[in-house]
Amino acid sequence: MSQTNKVDEFVSKLKHPLKAEMEEAIKIIRGASKDLKEDIKWGGPSFDYKEPMATINPRMTDYVVFIFHKGELIKDDSGLLEPASKGKAYLKLHSMKEIKDNKANIQNIVKAWIKIMDA
């Protein structure tokens, strides 16, 4: 089974009040680069580029949250990334409108990670 199929299968079986929002956010992340790898790690869909980049925490039900594992390295002019402990950063998305309105910002965060990894 391909990595993409693993993520899609995981999400399809998930009971989550923001499942459609999660699917849209995943689509946006995927659209940022064809070079991302994905899998199910740490209990949720995870995205890597050369090393772990971000994982969705599906246990949070009030919003869709991506945990950027080394988010402190990412320059985020949009203000979407919230600093967290141990160098992490959270990308919390509360609604379909917020996700769609921030498509470019979300993809820019992913592209910033790729640029860091390629440096």
Protein backbone atom coordinates (compact mmCIF):
# COMPACT_ATOMS: atom_id res chain seq x y z
CA MET A 1 0.00 0.00 0.00
CA SER A 2 1.39 3.41 -0.91
CA GLN A 3 2.05 5.95 1.81
CA THR A 4 -0.67 8.23 0.43
CA ASN A 5 -3.15 5.36 0.55
CA LYS A 6 -2.19 4.67 4.19
CA VAL A 7 -3.03 8.26 5.13
CA ASP A 8 -6.24 8.26 3.11
CA GLU A 9 -7.31 4.95 4.65
CA PHE A 10 -6.52 6.19 8.16
CA VAL A 11 -8.55 9.38 7.66
CA SER A 12 -11.44 7.51 5.99
CA LYS A 13 -11.84 5.37 9.14
CA LEU A 14 -11.45 8.28 11.51
CA LYS A 15 -14.42 9.54 13.49
CA HIS A 16 -13.67 13.24 13.85
CA PRO A 17 -16.01 16.27 13.85
CA LEU A 18 -13.64 18.12 11.49
CA LYS A 19 -12.87 15.21 9.16
CA ALA A 20 -13.67 17.20 5.98
CA GLU A 21 -11.43 20.02 7.22
CA MET A 22 -8.64 17.53 7.93
CA GLU A 23 -8.97 16.08 4.42
CA GLU A 24 -8.80 19.57 2.91
CA ALA A 25 -5.73 20.48 4.98
CA ILE A 26 -4.01 17.26 3.89
CA LYS A 27 -4.79 18.07 0.27
CA ILE A 28 -3.23 21.52 0.70
CA ILE A 29 -0.10 20.08 2.36
CA ARG A 30 0.25 17.54 -0.44
CA GLY A 31 -0.10 20.31 -3.00
CA ALA A 32 2.91 22.16 -1.60
CA SER A 33 5.40 19.59 -2.95
CA LYS A 34 5.39 16.30 -4.80
CA ASP A 35 8.52 15.35 -2.82
CA LEU A 36 6.78 14.96 0.54
CA LYS A 37 6.58 11.49 2.01
CA GLU A 38 3.68 10.51 4.20
CA ASP A 39 2.86 7.74 6.61
CA ILE A 40 0.99 7.07 9.84
CA LYS A 41 3.30 7.83 12.78
CA TRP A 42 2.76 9.01 16.34
CA GLY A 43 -0.94 8.19 16.03
CA GLY A 44 -1.76 10.31 13.00
CA PRO A 45 -0.96 11.25 9.42
CA SER A 46 2.66 12.41 9.19
CA PHE A 47 4.54 14.26 6.49
CA ASP A 48 8.29 14.13 5.94
CA TYR A 49 10.79 15.86 3.76
CA LYS A 50 14.25 14.44 4.46
CA GLU A 51 13.17 14.12 8.10
CA PRO A 52 9.86 14.34 9.98
CA MET A 53 8.15 17.66 9.22
CA ALA A 54 4.64 17.54 10.70
CA THR A 55 2.05 15.18 12.15
CA ILE A 56 -1.68 15.66 12.59
CA ASN A 57 -2.93 14.98 16.09
CA PRO A 58 -6.40 13.49 15.49
CA ARG A 59 -7.16 13.39 19.22
CA MET A 60 -7.79 17.14 19.15
CA THR A 61 -11.42 17.59 18.12
CA ASP A 62 -11.96 21.36 18.39
CA TYR A 63 -9.59 22.03 15.49
CA VAL A 64 -7.24 20.32 13.06
CA VAL A 65 -3.71 20.57 14.40
CA PHE A 66 -0.43 19.88 12.64
CA ILE A 67 2.52 19.53 14.98
CA PHE A 68 5.61 20.81 13.18
CA HIS A 69 8.35 18.85 14.94
CA LYS A 70 11.04 21.50 14.47
CA GLY A 71 8.69 24.38 13.81
CA GLU A 72 10.97 26.89 15.52
CA LEU A 73 13.21 26.66 12.43
CA ILE A 74 10.46 27.81 10.08
CA LYS A 75 10.09 31.49 9.29
CA ASP A 76 6.33 32.05 9.21
CA ASP A 77 5.25 35.54 8.19
CA SER A 78 1.56 34.55 8.33
CA GLY A 79 1.53 34.07 12.10
CA LEU A 80 -0.23 30.72 11.75
CA LEU A 81 2.47 28.75 13.57
CA GLU A 82 2.20 28.86 17.36
CA PRO A 83 5.46 28.18 19.23
CA ALA A 84 5.35 25.11 21.46
CA SER A 85 7.71 23.26 23.77
CA LYS A 86 10.87 21.49 22.63
CA GLY A 87 11.19 23.51 19.41
CA LYS A 88 7.83 22.42 18.05
CA ALA A 89 5.16 24.65 16.56
CA TYR A 90 1.43 24.09 16.14
CA LEU A 91 -0.64 24.92 13.11
CA LYS A 92 -4.23 25.01 14.39
CA LEU A 93 -7.02 25.24 11.84
CA HIS A 94 -10.53 25.80 13.19
CA SER A 95 -12.79 25.83 10.13
CA MET A 96 -13.00 25.05 6.43
CA LYS A 97 -13.02 28.79 5.72
CA GLU A 98 -9.83 29.32 7.71
CA ILE A 99 -8.17 26.42 5.90
CA LYS A 100 -9.16 27.60 2.43
CA ASP A 101 -8.34 31.25 3.20
CA ASN A 102 -4.85 30.20 4.32
CA LYS A 103 -4.01 27.74 1.54
CA ALA A 104 -1.06 29.81 0.30
CA ASN A 105 0.20 30.43 3.85
CA ILE A 106 0.03 26.73 4.71
CA GLN A 107 1.88 25.80 1.54
CA ASN A 108 4.47 28.51 2.23
CA ILE A 109 5.16 26.95 5.65
CA VAL A 110 5.79 23.58 3.97
CA LYS A 111 7.99 25.21 1.31
CA ALA A 112 9.96 26.99 4.03
CA TRP A 113 10.64 23.59 5.66
CA ILE A 114 11.82 22.17 2.32
CA LYS A 115 14.12 25.15 1.82
CA ILE A 116 15.62 24.61 5.28
CA MET A 117 16.19 20.92 4.59
CA ASP A 118 17.79 21.67 1.21
CA ALA A 119 20.16 24.29 2.62
